[in-house]
Amino acid sequence: MQLGVWHFQKDEWGQAIKFLRIALDKGRLEHPEAAYQVLGDCYQCMGNERMAQEAFLRAEGEGHAPELSPGLSPGLGLI
């Protein structure tokens, strides 16, 4: 997940999505909602609103805290 966040910070959204998906597929994340939030941010930056909305809904389903603003993830700090 850290690689995904790093690529997101570099505006390398395709690479970020790749690493976030790998992390989510493994299923051992302490805060999967954070990964889905960043994934949604990536899709939004790429202009794919449908995929962004899907990721944000998954974040909510995984326990996403609504008070987080985009770019903030629990356990990660400012991204």
C-alpha atoms as a PDB file:
ATOM      1  CA  MET A   1       0.000   0.000   0.000  1.00  0.00           C
ATOM      2  CA  GLN A   2       2.884   2.352   0.759  1.00  0.00           C
ATOM      3  CA  LEU A   3       4.065   2.082  -2.855  1.00  0.00           C
ATOM      4  CA  GLY A   4       0.579   2.981  -4.020  1.00  0.00           C
ATOM      5  CA  VAL A   5       0.509   6.051  -1.800  1.00  0.00           C
ATOM      6  CA  TRP A   6       3.994   7.045  -2.959  1.00  0.00           C
ATOM      7  CA  HIS A   7       2.969   6.840  -6.626  1.00  0.00           C
ATOM      8  CA  PHE A   8      -0.206   8.795  -5.847  1.00  0.00           C
ATOM      9  CA  GLN A   9       1.902  11.567  -4.331  1.00  0.00           C
ATOM     10  CA  LYS A  10       3.968  11.630  -7.544  1.00  0.00           C
ATOM     11  CA  ASP A  11       0.788  11.916  -9.678  1.00  0.00           C
ATOM     12  CA  GLU A  12       1.516   8.472 -11.121  1.00  0.00           C
ATOM     13  CA  TRP A  13      -2.061   7.305 -10.779  1.00  0.00           C
ATOM     14  CA  GLY A  14      -1.845   4.204 -12.956  1.00  0.00           C
ATOM     15  CA  GLN A  15       1.075   2.857 -10.928  1.00  0.00           C
ATOM     16  CA  ALA A  16      -0.671   3.836  -7.692  1.00  0.00           C
ATOM     17  CA  ILE A  17      -3.774   1.901  -8.728  1.00  0.00           C
ATOM     18  CA  LYS A  18      -1.644  -1.135  -9.572  1.00  0.00           C
ATOM     19  CA  PHE A  19      -0.001  -1.259  -6.136  1.00  0.00           C
ATOM     20  CA  LEU A  20      -3.183  -0.425  -4.237  1.00  0.00           C
ATOM     21  CA  ARG A  21      -4.995  -3.270  -6.001  1.00  0.00           C
ATOM     22  CA  ILE A  22      -2.168  -5.665  -5.130  1.00  0.00           C
ATOM     23  CA  ALA A  23      -2.378  -4.600  -1.473  1.00  0.00           C
ATOM     24  CA  LEU A  24      -6.165  -4.956  -1.401  1.00  0.00           C
ATOM     25  CA  ASP A  25      -6.054  -8.349  -3.130  1.00  0.00           C
ATOM     26  CA  LYS A  26      -3.716  -9.670  -0.439  1.00  0.00           C
ATOM     27  CA  GLY A  27      -6.391  -8.808   2.112  1.00  0.00           C
ATOM     28  CA  ARG A  28      -4.094  -8.195   5.075  1.00  0.00           C
ATOM     29  CA  LEU A  29      -4.346  -4.422   5.357  1.00  0.00           C
ATOM     30  CA  GLU A  30      -4.968  -2.969   8.786  1.00  0.00           C
ATOM     31  CA  HIS A  31      -6.970  -0.120   7.205  1.00  0.00           C
ATOM     32  CA  PRO A  32      -8.397  -1.258   3.865  1.00  0.00           C
ATOM     33  CA  GLU A  33     -10.688   1.769   3.880  1.00  0.00           C
ATOM     34  CA  ALA A  34      -7.603   3.965   3.504  1.00  0.00           C
ATOM     35  CA  ALA A  35      -6.499   2.018   0.432  1.00  0.00           C
ATOM     36  CA  TYR A  36      -9.954   2.355  -1.125  1.00  0.00           C
ATOM     37  CA  GLN A  37      -9.955   6.090  -0.353  1.00  0.00           C
ATOM     38  CA  VAL A  38      -6.619   6.614  -2.128  1.00  0.00           C
ATOM     39  CA  LEU A  39      -7.792   4.352  -4.959  1.00  0.00           C
ATOM     40  CA  GLY A  40     -10.863   6.564  -5.346  1.00  0.00           C
ATOM     41  CA  ASP A  41      -8.660   9.645  -5.323  1.00  0.00           C
ATOM     42  CA  CYS A  42      -6.551   8.121  -8.127  1.00  0.00           C
ATOM     43  CA  TYR A  43      -9.580   7.376 -10.282  1.00  0.00           C
ATOM     44  CA  GLN A  44     -10.938  10.855  -9.619  1.00  0.00           C
ATOM     45  CA  CYS A  45      -7.648  12.444 -10.696  1.00  0.00           C
ATOM     46  CA  MET A  46      -7.820  10.380 -13.883  1.00  0.00           C
ATOM     47  CA  GLY A  47     -11.366  11.622 -14.550  1.00  0.00           C
ATOM     48  CA  ASN A  48     -12.997   8.223 -14.022  1.00  0.00           C
ATOM     49  CA  GLU A  49     -15.862   9.264 -11.748  1.00  0.00           C
ATOM     50  CA  ARG A  50     -17.646   5.907 -11.923  1.00  0.00           C
ATOM     51  CA  MET A  51     -14.631   3.954 -10.657  1.00  0.00           C
ATOM     52  CA  ALA A  52     -13.883   6.685  -8.103  1.00  0.00           C
ATOM     53  CA  GLN A  53     -17.416   6.448  -6.708  1.00  0.00           C
ATOM     54  CA  GLU A  54     -17.147   2.657  -6.542  1.00  0.00           C
ATOM     55  CA  ALA A  55     -13.882   2.887  -4.583  1.00  0.00           C
ATOM     56  CA  PHE A  56     -15.295   5.520  -2.216  1.00  0.00           C
ATOM     57  CA  LEU A  57     -18.332   3.328  -1.564  1.00  0.00           C
ATOM     58  CA  ARG A  58     -16.010   0.412  -0.786  1.00  0.00           C
ATOM     59  CA  ALA A  59     -14.110   2.695   1.606  1.00  0.00           C
ATOM     60  CA  GLU A  60     -17.367   3.435   3.417  1.00  0.00           C
ATOM     61  CA  GLY A  61     -18.213  -0.261   3.509  1.00  0.00           C
ATOM     62  CA  GLU A  62     -14.834  -1.033   5.053  1.00  0.00           C
ATOM     63  CA  GLY A  63     -15.377   1.498   7.839  1.00  0.00           C
ATOM     64  CA  HIS A  64     -14.217   4.736   6.208  1.00  0.00           C
ATOM     65  CA  ALA A  65     -14.463   7.653   8.597  1.00  0.00           C
ATOM     66  CA  PRO A  66     -16.509  10.330   6.793  1.00  0.00           C
ATOM     67  CA  GLU A  67     -14.668  13.153   8.549  1.00  0.00           C
ATOM     68  CA  LEU A  68     -11.482  12.376   6.604  1.00  0.00           C
ATOM     69  CA  SER A  69     -10.834  14.815   3.824  1.00  0.00           C
ATOM     70  CA  PRO A  70      -9.423  13.634   0.507  1.00  0.00           C
ATOM     71  CA  GLY A  71      -5.702  13.151   0.823  1.00  0.00           C
ATOM     72  CA  LEU A  72      -5.843  11.993   4.437  1.00  0.00           C
ATOM     73  CA  SER A  73      -5.738   8.358   5.394  1.00  0.00           C
ATOM     74  CA  PRO A  74      -5.820   6.765   8.839  1.00  0.00           C
ATOM     75  CA  GLY A  75      -2.422   5.532   9.859  1.00  0.00           C
ATOM     76  CA  LEU A  76      -0.754   7.261   6.936  1.00  0.00           C
ATOM     77  CA  GLY A  77      -1.113  10.917   7.756  1.00  0.00           C
ATOM     78  CA  LEU A  78      -1.124  13.505   5.016  1.00  0.00           C
ATOM     79  CA  ILE A  79      -0.649  12.006   1.588  1.00  0.00           C
END
